[in-house]
């Protein structure tokens, strides 16, 4: 499992002594052209890695904001093949920023595991998160991704005990995505006090960086999580900006990128000032 861009980025973040920031945006939302413009603007706005959601009709782990974003992407005509083309267009101007696809198994299975892995690697995709594919069922997909040198990134949750973490760690590369709250995206808020020991436990079990997502909506919350995690993921807050811009008949792209910059700046400066939680936990990796 080659994760060159992902590994290089986390090594650079560790050398800088800070957490990374991973914004999640939906493919094709609200149109292909605007989605591509957002993608191209994310690195300059502060994205260290990018999570690109696959538009799907039944995203069971998502709250209403991302559900609506997926429907907008589908209405705009976005498909899985179209998503890979979008990544390929992004790669024409950026060969350094890791791109992780996040979605559900049905579209990937319909595409065909080997064909998807081959085409994803060719487009410049670095990793894949499949929310509804447990490790026990991931064998054929993992084999195809491994052959194409695309990282399979798995989820850990607050209910993942030590035995389960061992299963999750096997075959995972790049990083582990820790779901900070029980429930769907965009509803509850992540709490650094509970995330800190959980992230450390996952980190030790997998010997990989831990990115924390679900429940990060504000710069203040992003900074808190950045003090105890290797990377912070936020998504619902950005698709909300798309919806807000559409409702107000405002340009979508600058509004989304401004919100990305606000959270990214908070993450990047989070460890430069002392805080009660960081003082209690001591130095993080």
C-alpha atoms as a PDB file:
ATOM      1  CA  UNK A   1       0.000   0.000   0.000  1.00  0.00           C
ATOM      2  CA  UNK A   2       1.808   3.075  -1.256  1.00  0.00           C
ATOM      3  CA  UNK A   3       0.573   6.280   0.335  1.00  0.00           C
ATOM      4  CA  UNK A   4       3.322   8.577  -0.880  1.00  0.00           C
ATOM      5  CA  UNK A   5       1.499  11.910  -0.805  1.00  0.00           C
ATOM      6  CA  UNK A   6      -0.356  11.128   2.430  1.00  0.00           C
ATOM      7  CA  UNK A   7       2.760   9.936   4.253  1.00  0.00           C
ATOM      8  CA  UNK A   8       4.787  12.886   3.000  1.00  0.00           C
ATOM      9  CA  UNK A   9       2.163  15.354   4.150  1.00  0.00           C
ATOM     10  CA  UNK A  10       1.862  13.914   7.651  1.00  0.00           C
ATOM     11  CA  UNK A  11       5.659  13.783   7.950  1.00  0.00           C
ATOM     12  CA  UNK A  12       5.799  17.473   7.032  1.00  0.00           C
ATOM     13  CA  UNK A  13       3.082  18.308   9.553  1.00  0.00           C
ATOM     14  CA  UNK A  14       4.939  16.458  12.290  1.00  0.00           C
ATOM     15  CA  UNK A  15       8.113  18.352  11.433  1.00  0.00           C
ATOM     16  CA  UNK A  16       6.167  21.606  11.692  1.00  0.00           C
ATOM     17  CA  UNK A  17       4.746  20.542  15.047  1.00  0.00           C
ATOM     18  CA  UNK A  18       1.130  21.090  14.125  1.00  0.00           C
ATOM     19  CA  UNK A  19      -2.011  19.230  13.166  1.00  0.00           C
ATOM     20  CA  UNK A  20      -3.242  19.074   9.616  1.00  0.00           C
ATOM     21  CA  UNK A  21      -6.545  20.390   8.330  1.00  0.00           C
ATOM     22  CA  UNK A  22      -8.763  18.274   6.072  1.00  0.00           C
ATOM     23  CA  UNK A  23     -11.827  19.988   4.615  1.00  0.00           C
ATOM     24  CA  UNK A  24     -14.574  17.783   3.209  1.00  0.00           C
ATOM     25  CA  UNK A  25     -16.509  19.009   0.185  1.00  0.00           C
ATOM     26  CA  UNK A  26     -19.059  17.236  -1.992  1.00  0.00           C
ATOM     27  CA  UNK A  27     -18.273  16.360  -5.571  1.00  0.00           C
ATOM     28  CA  UNK A  28     -20.377  18.310  -8.066  1.00  0.00           C
ATOM     29  CA  UNK A  29     -21.881  20.611  -5.435  1.00  0.00           C
ATOM     30  CA  UNK A  30     -23.503  22.810  -6.610  1.00  0.00           C
ATOM     31  CA  UNK A  31     -22.105  22.283 -10.132  1.00  0.00           C
ATOM     32  CA  UNK A  32     -19.078  20.614 -11.644  1.00  0.00           C
ATOM     33  CA  UNK A  33     -17.450  23.927 -12.506  1.00  0.00           C
ATOM     34  CA  UNK A  34     -17.925  25.407  -9.041  1.00  0.00           C
ATOM     35  CA  UNK A  35     -16.852  22.171  -7.366  1.00  0.00           C
ATOM     36  CA  UNK A  36     -13.624  22.181  -9.388  1.00  0.00           C
ATOM     37  CA  UNK A  37     -13.015  25.829  -8.531  1.00  0.00           C
ATOM     38  CA  UNK A  38     -13.485  25.025  -4.841  1.00  0.00           C
ATOM     39  CA  UNK A  39     -11.096  22.069  -5.096  1.00  0.00           C
ATOM     40  CA  UNK A  40      -8.444  24.197  -6.772  1.00  0.00           C
ATOM     41  CA  UNK A  41      -8.800  26.869  -4.094  1.00  0.00           C
ATOM     42  CA  UNK A  42      -8.614  24.592  -1.066  1.00  0.00           C
ATOM     43  CA  UNK A  43      -4.806  24.286  -0.738  1.00  0.00           C
ATOM     44  CA  UNK A  44      -4.334  28.066  -0.786  1.00  0.00           C
ATOM     45  CA  UNK A  45      -7.136  28.399   1.770  1.00  0.00           C
ATOM     46  CA  UNK A  46      -5.228  26.108   4.133  1.00  0.00           C
ATOM     47  CA  UNK A  47      -6.161  22.518   3.278  1.00  0.00           C
ATOM     48  CA  UNK A  48      -3.359  20.057   4.025  1.00  0.00           C
ATOM     49  CA  UNK A  49      -5.339  17.117   2.663  1.00  0.00           C
ATOM     50  CA  UNK A  50      -8.704  17.093   0.896  1.00  0.00           C
ATOM     51  CA  UNK A  51     -11.673  14.809   1.462  1.00  0.00           C
ATOM     52  CA  UNK A  52     -13.980  14.658  -1.521  1.00  0.00           C
ATOM     53  CA  UNK A  53     -17.406  13.203  -0.842  1.00  0.00           C
ATOM     54  CA  UNK A  54     -18.923  10.843  -3.404  1.00  0.00           C
ATOM     55  CA  UNK A  55     -22.443  11.932  -4.288  1.00  0.00           C
ATOM     56  CA  UNK A  56     -24.760   9.085  -3.302  1.00  0.00           C
ATOM     57  CA  UNK A  57     -28.530   8.863  -2.810  1.00  0.00           C
ATOM     58  CA  UNK A  58     -28.434   7.055   0.558  1.00  0.00           C
ATOM     59  CA  UNK A  59     -25.529   8.333   2.662  1.00  0.00           C
ATOM     60  CA  UNK A  60     -26.465   6.647   5.926  1.00  0.00           C
ATOM     61  CA  UNK A  61     -23.769   8.235   8.108  1.00  0.00           C
ATOM     62  CA  UNK A  62     -24.523  11.772   7.018  1.00  0.00           C
ATOM     63  CA  UNK A  63     -26.730  14.378   8.618  1.00  0.00           C
ATOM     64  CA  UNK A  64     -29.101  16.604   6.621  1.00  0.00           C
ATOM     65  CA  UNK A  65     -26.469  19.118   5.368  1.00  0.00           C
ATOM     66  CA  UNK A  66     -24.330  16.501   3.605  1.00  0.00           C
ATOM     67  CA  UNK A  67     -27.405  14.560   2.481  1.00  0.00           C
ATOM     68  CA  UNK A  68     -28.624  17.701   0.741  1.00  0.00           C
ATOM     69  CA  UNK A  69     -25.180  18.328  -0.730  1.00  0.00           C
ATOM     70  CA  UNK A  70     -25.129  14.803  -2.174  1.00  0.00           C
ATOM     71  CA  UNK A  71     -28.517  15.366  -3.769  1.00  0.00           C
ATOM     72  CA  UNK A  72     -27.296  18.651  -5.267  1.00  0.00           C
ATOM     73  CA  UNK A  73     -24.280  16.846  -6.702  1.00  0.00           C
ATOM     74  CA  UNK A  74     -26.444  14.117  -8.196  1.00  0.00           C
ATOM     75  CA  UNK A  75     -28.843  16.707  -9.615  1.00  0.00           C
ATOM     76  CA  UNK A  76     -25.861  18.395 -11.261  1.00  0.00           C
ATOM     77  CA  UNK A  77     -25.136  15.119 -13.039  1.00  0.00           C
ATOM     78  CA  UNK A  78     -22.157  13.988 -10.982  1.00  0.00           C
ATOM     79  CA  UNK A  79     -21.186  10.323 -11.180  1.00  0.00           C
ATOM     80  CA  UNK A  80     -18.294   8.279  -9.823  1.00  0.00           C
ATOM     81  CA  UNK A  81     -16.555   8.484 -13.194  1.00  0.00           C
ATOM     82  CA  UNK A  82     -17.212  12.202 -13.180  1.00  0.00           C
ATOM     83  CA  UNK A  83     -15.640  12.475  -9.732  1.00  0.00           C
ATOM     84  CA  UNK A  84     -12.464  10.799 -10.964  1.00  0.00           C
ATOM     85  CA  UNK A  85     -12.385  13.206 -13.905  1.00  0.00           C
ATOM     86  CA  UNK A  86     -12.748  16.068 -11.429  1.00  0.00           C
ATOM     87  CA  UNK A  87      -9.729  14.824  -9.467  1.00  0.00           C
ATOM     88  CA  UNK A  88      -7.749  14.446 -12.697  1.00  0.00           C
ATOM     89  CA  UNK A  89      -8.496  18.073 -13.572  1.00  0.00           C
ATOM     90  CA  UNK A  90      -7.419  19.143 -10.074  1.00  0.00           C
ATOM     91  CA  UNK A  91      -4.162  17.222 -10.479  1.00  0.00           C
ATOM     92  CA  UNK A  92      -3.247  19.282 -13.550  1.00  0.00           C
ATOM     93  CA  UNK A  93      -2.414  22.138 -11.182  1.00  0.00           C
ATOM     94  CA  UNK A  94      -1.581  20.351  -7.925  1.00  0.00           C
ATOM     95  CA  UNK A  95       0.511  17.216  -7.618  1.00  0.00           C
ATOM     96  CA  UNK A  96       1.218  17.527  -3.888  1.00  0.00           C
ATOM     97  CA  UNK A  97      -2.058  17.766  -1.952  1.00  0.00           C
ATOM     98  CA  UNK A  98      -3.441  14.333  -1.000  1.00  0.00           C
ATOM     99  CA  UNK A  99      -7.006  13.675  -2.138  1.00  0.00           C
ATOM    100  CA  UNK A 100      -9.141  11.158  -0.263  1.00  0.00           C
ATOM    101  CA  UNK A 101     -12.487   9.993  -1.603  1.00  0.00           C
ATOM    102  CA  UNK A 102     -15.130   9.340   1.048  1.00  0.00           C
ATOM    103  CA  UNK A 103     -18.361   7.559   0.318  1.00  0.00           C
ATOM    104  CA  UNK A 104     -20.315   4.318   0.247  1.00  0.00           C
ATOM    105  CA  UNK A 105     -19.743   0.912  -1.245  1.00  0.00           C
ATOM    106  CA  UNK A 106     -22.600   0.699  -3.742  1.00  0.00           C
ATOM    107  CA  UNK A 107     -21.172   3.038  -6.419  1.00  0.00           C
ATOM    108  CA  UNK A 108     -17.689   1.508  -6.094  1.00  0.00           C
ATOM    109  CA  UNK A 109     -19.030  -2.031  -6.334  1.00  0.00           C
ATOM    110  CA  UNK A 110     -21.125  -1.089  -9.358  1.00  0.00           C
ATOM    111  CA  UNK A 111     -18.053   0.420 -11.015  1.00  0.00           C
ATOM    112  CA  UNK A 112     -16.025  -2.723 -10.309  1.00  0.00           C
ATOM    113  CA  UNK A 113     -13.281  -2.884  -7.695  1.00  0.00           C
ATOM    114  CA  UNK A 114     -10.347  -3.423 -10.031  1.00  0.00           C
ATOM    115  CA  UNK A 115     -11.559  -0.881 -12.578  1.00  0.00           C
ATOM    116  CA  UNK A 116     -12.256   1.674  -9.875  1.00  0.00           C
ATOM    117  CA  UNK A 117      -8.871   1.216  -8.195  1.00  0.00           C
ATOM    118  CA  UNK A 118      -7.059   1.484 -11.522  1.00  0.00           C
ATOM    119  CA  UNK A 119      -8.967   4.566 -12.661  1.00  0.00           C
ATOM    120  CA  UNK A 120      -8.738   6.231  -9.236  1.00  0.00           C
ATOM    121  CA  UNK A 121      -4.959   5.830  -9.158  1.00  0.00           C
ATOM    122  CA  UNK A 122      -4.689   7.110 -12.704  1.00  0.00           C
ATOM    123  CA  UNK A 123      -6.774  10.181 -11.802  1.00  0.00           C
ATOM    124  CA  UNK A 124      -4.541  10.997  -8.827  1.00  0.00           C
ATOM    125  CA  UNK A 125      -6.626   9.715  -5.909  1.00  0.00           C
ATOM    126  CA  UNK A 126      -4.539   8.843  -2.854  1.00  0.00           C
ATOM    127  CA  UNK A 127      -7.017   7.120  -0.567  1.00  0.00           C
ATOM    128  CA  UNK A 128     -10.536   5.845  -0.116  1.00  0.00           C
ATOM    129  CA  UNK A 129     -12.855   5.783   2.893  1.00  0.00           C
ATOM    130  CA  UNK A 130     -15.874   3.516   2.493  1.00  0.00           C
ATOM    131  CA  UNK A 131     -18.210   4.188   5.384  1.00  0.00           C
ATOM    132  CA  UNK A 132     -20.356   1.065   5.075  1.00  0.00           C
ATOM    133  CA  UNK A 133     -17.686  -1.536   4.268  1.00  0.00           C
ATOM    134  CA  UNK A 134     -16.468  -3.272   7.447  1.00  0.00           C
ATOM    135  CA  UNK A 135     -13.009  -4.884   7.439  1.00  0.00           C
ATOM    136  CA  UNK A 136     -14.552  -8.356   7.325  1.00  0.00           C
ATOM    137  CA  UNK A 137     -16.149  -7.559   3.947  1.00  0.00           C
ATOM    138  CA  UNK A 138     -13.336  -5.469   2.474  1.00  0.00           C
ATOM    139  CA  UNK A 139     -11.053  -8.215   1.145  1.00  0.00           C
ATOM    140  CA  UNK A 140     -11.662  -7.880  -2.625  1.00  0.00           C
ATOM    141  CA  UNK A 141     -11.737  -4.087  -2.482  1.00  0.00           C
ATOM    142  CA  UNK A 142      -8.589  -3.943  -0.344  1.00  0.00           C
ATOM    143  CA  UNK A 143      -6.774  -6.251  -2.749  1.00  0.00           C
ATOM    144  CA  UNK A 144      -7.714  -4.091  -5.731  1.00  0.00           C
ATOM    145  CA  UNK A 145      -6.695  -0.855  -3.998  1.00  0.00           C
ATOM    146  CA  UNK A 146      -3.435  -2.382  -2.826  1.00  0.00           C
ATOM    147  CA  UNK A 147      -2.572  -3.434  -6.381  1.00  0.00           C
ATOM    148  CA  UNK A 148      -3.275   0.111  -7.598  1.00  0.00           C
ATOM    149  CA  UNK A 149      -1.341   1.669  -4.686  1.00  0.00           C
ATOM    150  CA  UNK A 150      -4.370   3.522  -3.325  1.00  0.00           C
ATOM    151  CA  UNK A 151      -4.679   3.662   0.456  1.00  0.00           C
ATOM    152  CA  UNK A 152      -7.681   2.153   2.216  1.00  0.00           C
ATOM    153  CA  UNK A 153      -8.477   4.360   5.209  1.00  0.00           C
ATOM    154  CA  UNK A 154     -10.738   2.917   7.872  1.00  0.00           C
ATOM    155  CA  UNK A 155     -12.954   4.443  10.533  1.00  0.00           C
ATOM    156  CA  UNK A 156     -12.671   4.007  14.288  1.00  0.00           C
ATOM    157  CA  UNK A 157     -15.449   5.139  16.617  1.00  0.00           C
ATOM    158  CA  UNK A 158     -16.061   5.728  20.330  1.00  0.00           C
ATOM    159  CA  UNK A 159     -17.398   2.161  20.528  1.00  0.00           C
ATOM    160  CA  UNK A 160     -14.281   0.546  18.983  1.00  0.00           C
ATOM    161  CA  UNK A 161     -12.661  -1.479  21.771  1.00  0.00           C
ATOM    162  CA  UNK A 162      -9.031  -2.643  21.755  1.00  0.00           C
ATOM    163  CA  UNK A 163      -9.807  -5.900  19.962  1.00  0.00           C
ATOM    164  CA  UNK A 164     -11.760  -4.069  17.293  1.00  0.00           C
ATOM    165  CA  UNK A 165      -8.963  -1.539  16.831  1.00  0.00           C
ATOM    166  CA  UNK A 166      -6.596  -4.388  15.981  1.00  0.00           C
ATOM    167  CA  UNK A 167      -8.972  -5.474  13.222  1.00  0.00           C
ATOM    168  CA  UNK A 168      -9.370  -1.906  11.972  1.00  0.00           C
ATOM    169  CA  UNK A 169      -5.607  -1.386  11.894  1.00  0.00           C
ATOM    170  CA  UNK A 170      -4.935  -4.389   9.659  1.00  0.00           C
ATOM    171  CA  UNK A 171      -4.742  -3.246   6.073  1.00  0.00           C
ATOM    172  CA  UNK A 172      -5.235   0.425   6.925  1.00  0.00           C
ATOM    173  CA  UNK A 173      -2.679   2.883   5.600  1.00  0.00           C
ATOM    174  CA  UNK A 174      -2.194   6.630   5.458  1.00  0.00           C
ATOM    175  CA  UNK A 175      -4.162   7.468   8.587  1.00  0.00           C
ATOM    176  CA  UNK A 176      -7.109   6.328  10.670  1.00  0.00           C
ATOM    177  CA  UNK A 177     -10.257   8.443  10.667  1.00  0.00           C
ATOM    178  CA  UNK A 178     -11.644   8.694  14.197  1.00  0.00           C
ATOM    179  CA  UNK A 179     -15.364   9.460  14.317  1.00  0.00           C
ATOM    180  CA  UNK A 180     -15.522  11.637  17.421  1.00  0.00           C
ATOM    181  CA  UNK A 181     -19.232  11.332  18.201  1.00  0.00           C
ATOM    182  CA  UNK A 182     -21.848   8.616  18.029  1.00  0.00           C
ATOM    183  CA  UNK A 183     -24.324   9.590  15.352  1.00  0.00           C
ATOM    184  CA  UNK A 184     -24.377  11.221  11.943  1.00  0.00           C
ATOM    185  CA  UNK A 185     -22.347  14.142  10.634  1.00  0.00           C
ATOM    186  CA  UNK A 186     -23.179  17.726  11.460  1.00  0.00           C
ATOM    187  CA  UNK A 187     -25.334  17.132  14.540  1.00  0.00           C
ATOM    188  CA  UNK A 188     -23.253  16.784  17.711  1.00  0.00           C
ATOM    189  CA  UNK A 189     -20.055  18.627  18.613  1.00  0.00           C
ATOM    190  CA  UNK A 190     -16.710  16.955  19.204  1.00  0.00           C
ATOM    191  CA  UNK A 191     -15.236  17.381  22.687  1.00  0.00           C
ATOM    192  CA  UNK A 192     -11.445  17.512  23.027  1.00  0.00           C
ATOM    193  CA  UNK A 193     -11.505  16.055  26.544  1.00  0.00           C
ATOM    194  CA  UNK A 194     -13.041  12.806  25.303  1.00  0.00           C
ATOM    195  CA  UNK A 195     -11.281  12.801  21.929  1.00  0.00           C
ATOM    196  CA  UNK A 196      -7.766  13.065  23.395  1.00  0.00           C
ATOM    197  CA  UNK A 197      -7.524   9.651  25.121  1.00  0.00           C
ATOM    198  CA  UNK A 198      -9.424   7.965  22.296  1.00  0.00           C
ATOM    199  CA  UNK A 199      -7.117   9.399  19.630  1.00  0.00           C
ATOM    200  CA  UNK A 200      -4.070   8.259  21.571  1.00  0.00           C
ATOM    201  CA  UNK A 201      -5.496   4.759  21.915  1.00  0.00           C
ATOM    202  CA  UNK A 202      -6.206   4.557  18.167  1.00  0.00           C
ATOM    203  CA  UNK A 203      -2.780   5.961  17.340  1.00  0.00           C
ATOM    204  CA  UNK A 204      -1.023   3.321  19.413  1.00  0.00           C
ATOM    205  CA  UNK A 205      -3.126   0.493  18.005  1.00  0.00           C
ATOM    206  CA  UNK A 206      -2.584   1.437  14.366  1.00  0.00           C
ATOM    207  CA  UNK A 207       0.812   3.157  14.515  1.00  0.00           C
ATOM    208  CA  UNK A 208      -0.654   5.728  12.140  1.00  0.00           C
ATOM    209  CA  UNK A 209      -1.729   9.366  12.347  1.00  0.00           C
ATOM    210  CA  UNK A 210      -5.273   9.931  13.581  1.00  0.00           C
ATOM    211  CA  UNK A 211      -7.601  12.394  11.865  1.00  0.00           C
ATOM    212  CA  UNK A 212     -10.653  13.391  13.892  1.00  0.00           C
ATOM    213  CA  UNK A 213     -13.931  14.297  12.222  1.00  0.00           C
ATOM    214  CA  UNK A 214     -17.700  14.583  12.823  1.00  0.00           C
ATOM    215  CA  UNK A 215     -18.695  17.447  15.106  1.00  0.00           C
ATOM    216  CA  UNK A 216     -16.207  20.163  14.077  1.00  0.00           C
ATOM    217  CA  UNK A 217     -18.011  23.316  12.985  1.00  0.00           C
ATOM    218  CA  UNK A 218     -16.204  26.356  14.410  1.00  0.00           C
ATOM    219  CA  UNK A 219     -12.616  27.649  14.484  1.00  0.00           C
ATOM    220  CA  UNK A 220     -12.643  27.328  18.266  1.00  0.00           C
ATOM    221  CA  UNK A 221     -13.654  23.656  18.133  1.00  0.00           C
ATOM    222  CA  UNK A 222     -11.183  22.965  15.332  1.00  0.00           C
ATOM    223  CA  UNK A 223      -8.364  24.442  17.425  1.00  0.00           C
ATOM    224  CA  UNK A 224      -9.312  22.332  20.444  1.00  0.00           C
ATOM    225  CA  UNK A 225      -9.241  19.128  18.419  1.00  0.00           C
ATOM    226  CA  UNK A 226      -5.999  20.157  16.684  1.00  0.00           C
ATOM    227  CA  UNK A 227      -4.245  20.117  20.048  1.00  0.00           C
ATOM    228  CA  UNK A 228      -4.989  16.423  20.572  1.00  0.00           C
ATOM    229  CA  UNK A 229      -5.181  14.943  17.043  1.00  0.00           C
ATOM    230  CA  UNK A 230      -2.863  14.645  14.075  1.00  0.00           C
ATOM    231  CA  UNK A 231      -5.458  16.181  11.754  1.00  0.00           C
ATOM    232  CA  UNK A 232      -8.897  17.765  11.960  1.00  0.00           C
ATOM    233  CA  UNK A 233     -11.695  17.043   9.487  1.00  0.00           C
ATOM    234  CA  UNK A 234     -14.644  19.377   8.931  1.00  0.00           C
ATOM    235  CA  UNK A 235     -17.357  19.057   6.320  1.00  0.00           C
ATOM    236  CA  UNK A 236     -20.939  19.974   7.215  1.00  0.00           C
ATOM    237  CA  UNK A 237     -19.919  23.564   7.890  1.00  0.00           C
ATOM    238  CA  UNK A 238     -18.695  23.921   4.294  1.00  0.00           C
ATOM    239  CA  UNK A 239     -21.658  22.344   2.564  1.00  0.00           C
ATOM    240  CA  UNK A 240     -23.812  24.631   4.705  1.00  0.00           C
ATOM    241  CA  UNK A 241     -21.956  27.550   3.134  1.00  0.00           C
ATOM    242  CA  UNK A 242     -22.849  26.232  -0.312  1.00  0.00           C
ATOM    243  CA  UNK A 243     -26.504  26.036   0.684  1.00  0.00           C
ATOM    244  CA  UNK A 244     -26.403  29.484   2.260  1.00  0.00           C
ATOM    245  CA  UNK A 245     -24.831  31.054  -0.801  1.00  0.00           C
ATOM    246  CA  UNK A 246     -27.416  29.467  -3.086  1.00  0.00           C
ATOM    247  CA  UNK A 247     -30.262  30.655  -0.874  1.00  0.00           C
ATOM    248  CA  UNK A 248     -28.868  34.196  -0.825  1.00  0.00           C
ATOM    249  CA  UNK A 249     -28.024  34.153  -4.537  1.00  0.00           C
ATOM    250  CA  UNK A 250     -24.376  34.820  -3.684  1.00  0.00           C
ATOM    251  CA  UNK A 251     -21.221  33.427  -5.294  1.00  0.00           C
ATOM    252  CA  UNK A 252     -20.547  30.014  -3.773  1.00  0.00           C
ATOM    253  CA  UNK A 253     -16.799  29.600  -4.175  1.00  0.00           C
ATOM    254  CA  UNK A 254     -15.471  32.599  -2.213  1.00  0.00           C
ATOM    255  CA  UNK A 255     -17.911  31.957   0.606  1.00  0.00           C
ATOM    256  CA  UNK A 256     -16.800  28.329   0.999  1.00  0.00           C
ATOM    257  CA  UNK A 257     -13.094  29.135   0.751  1.00  0.00           C
ATOM    258  CA  UNK A 258     -13.381  31.920   3.317  1.00  0.00           C
ATOM    259  CA  UNK A 259     -14.904  29.491   5.808  1.00  0.00           C
ATOM    260  CA  UNK A 260     -12.188  26.931   5.041  1.00  0.00           C
ATOM    261  CA  UNK A 261      -9.519  29.535   5.715  1.00  0.00           C
ATOM    262  CA  UNK A 262     -11.076  30.472   9.057  1.00  0.00           C
ATOM    263  CA  UNK A 263     -10.950  26.891  10.329  1.00  0.00           C
ATOM    264  CA  UNK A 264      -7.574  26.142   8.741  1.00  0.00           C
ATOM    265  CA  UNK A 265      -5.989  29.174  10.389  1.00  0.00           C
ATOM    266  CA  UNK A 266      -7.350  28.044  13.754  1.00  0.00           C
ATOM    267  CA  UNK A 267      -5.884  24.566  13.296  1.00  0.00           C
ATOM    268  CA  UNK A 268      -2.494  25.854  12.207  1.00  0.00           C
ATOM    269  CA  UNK A 269      -2.083  28.128  15.220  1.00  0.00           C
ATOM    270  CA  UNK A 270      -3.732  25.850  17.800  1.00  0.00           C
ATOM    271  CA  UNK A 271      -0.538  24.518  19.346  1.00  0.00           C
ATOM    272  CA  UNK A 272       1.291  27.829  19.541  1.00  0.00           C
ATOM    273  CA  UNK A 273      -0.650  28.920  22.608  1.00  0.00           C
ATOM    274  CA  UNK A 274      -1.176  27.047  25.854  1.00  0.00           C
ATOM    275  CA  UNK A 275      -4.614  25.766  26.782  1.00  0.00           C
ATOM    276  CA  UNK A 276      -5.997  23.785  29.702  1.00  0.00           C
ATOM    277  CA  UNK A 277      -6.479  20.640  27.616  1.00  0.00           C
ATOM    278  CA  UNK A 278      -3.033  20.775  26.005  1.00  0.00           C
ATOM    279  CA  UNK A 279      -1.382  21.487  29.334  1.00  0.00           C
ATOM    280  CA  UNK A 280      -3.135  18.511  30.865  1.00  0.00           C
ATOM    281  CA  UNK A 281      -2.282  16.144  28.034  1.00  0.00           C
ATOM    282  CA  UNK A 282       1.260  17.285  27.427  1.00  0.00           C
ATOM    283  CA  UNK A 283       2.908  17.086  24.032  1.00  0.00           C
ATOM    284  CA  UNK A 284       1.022  15.343  21.222  1.00  0.00           C
ATOM    285  CA  UNK A 285       2.516  13.719  18.169  1.00  0.00           C
END
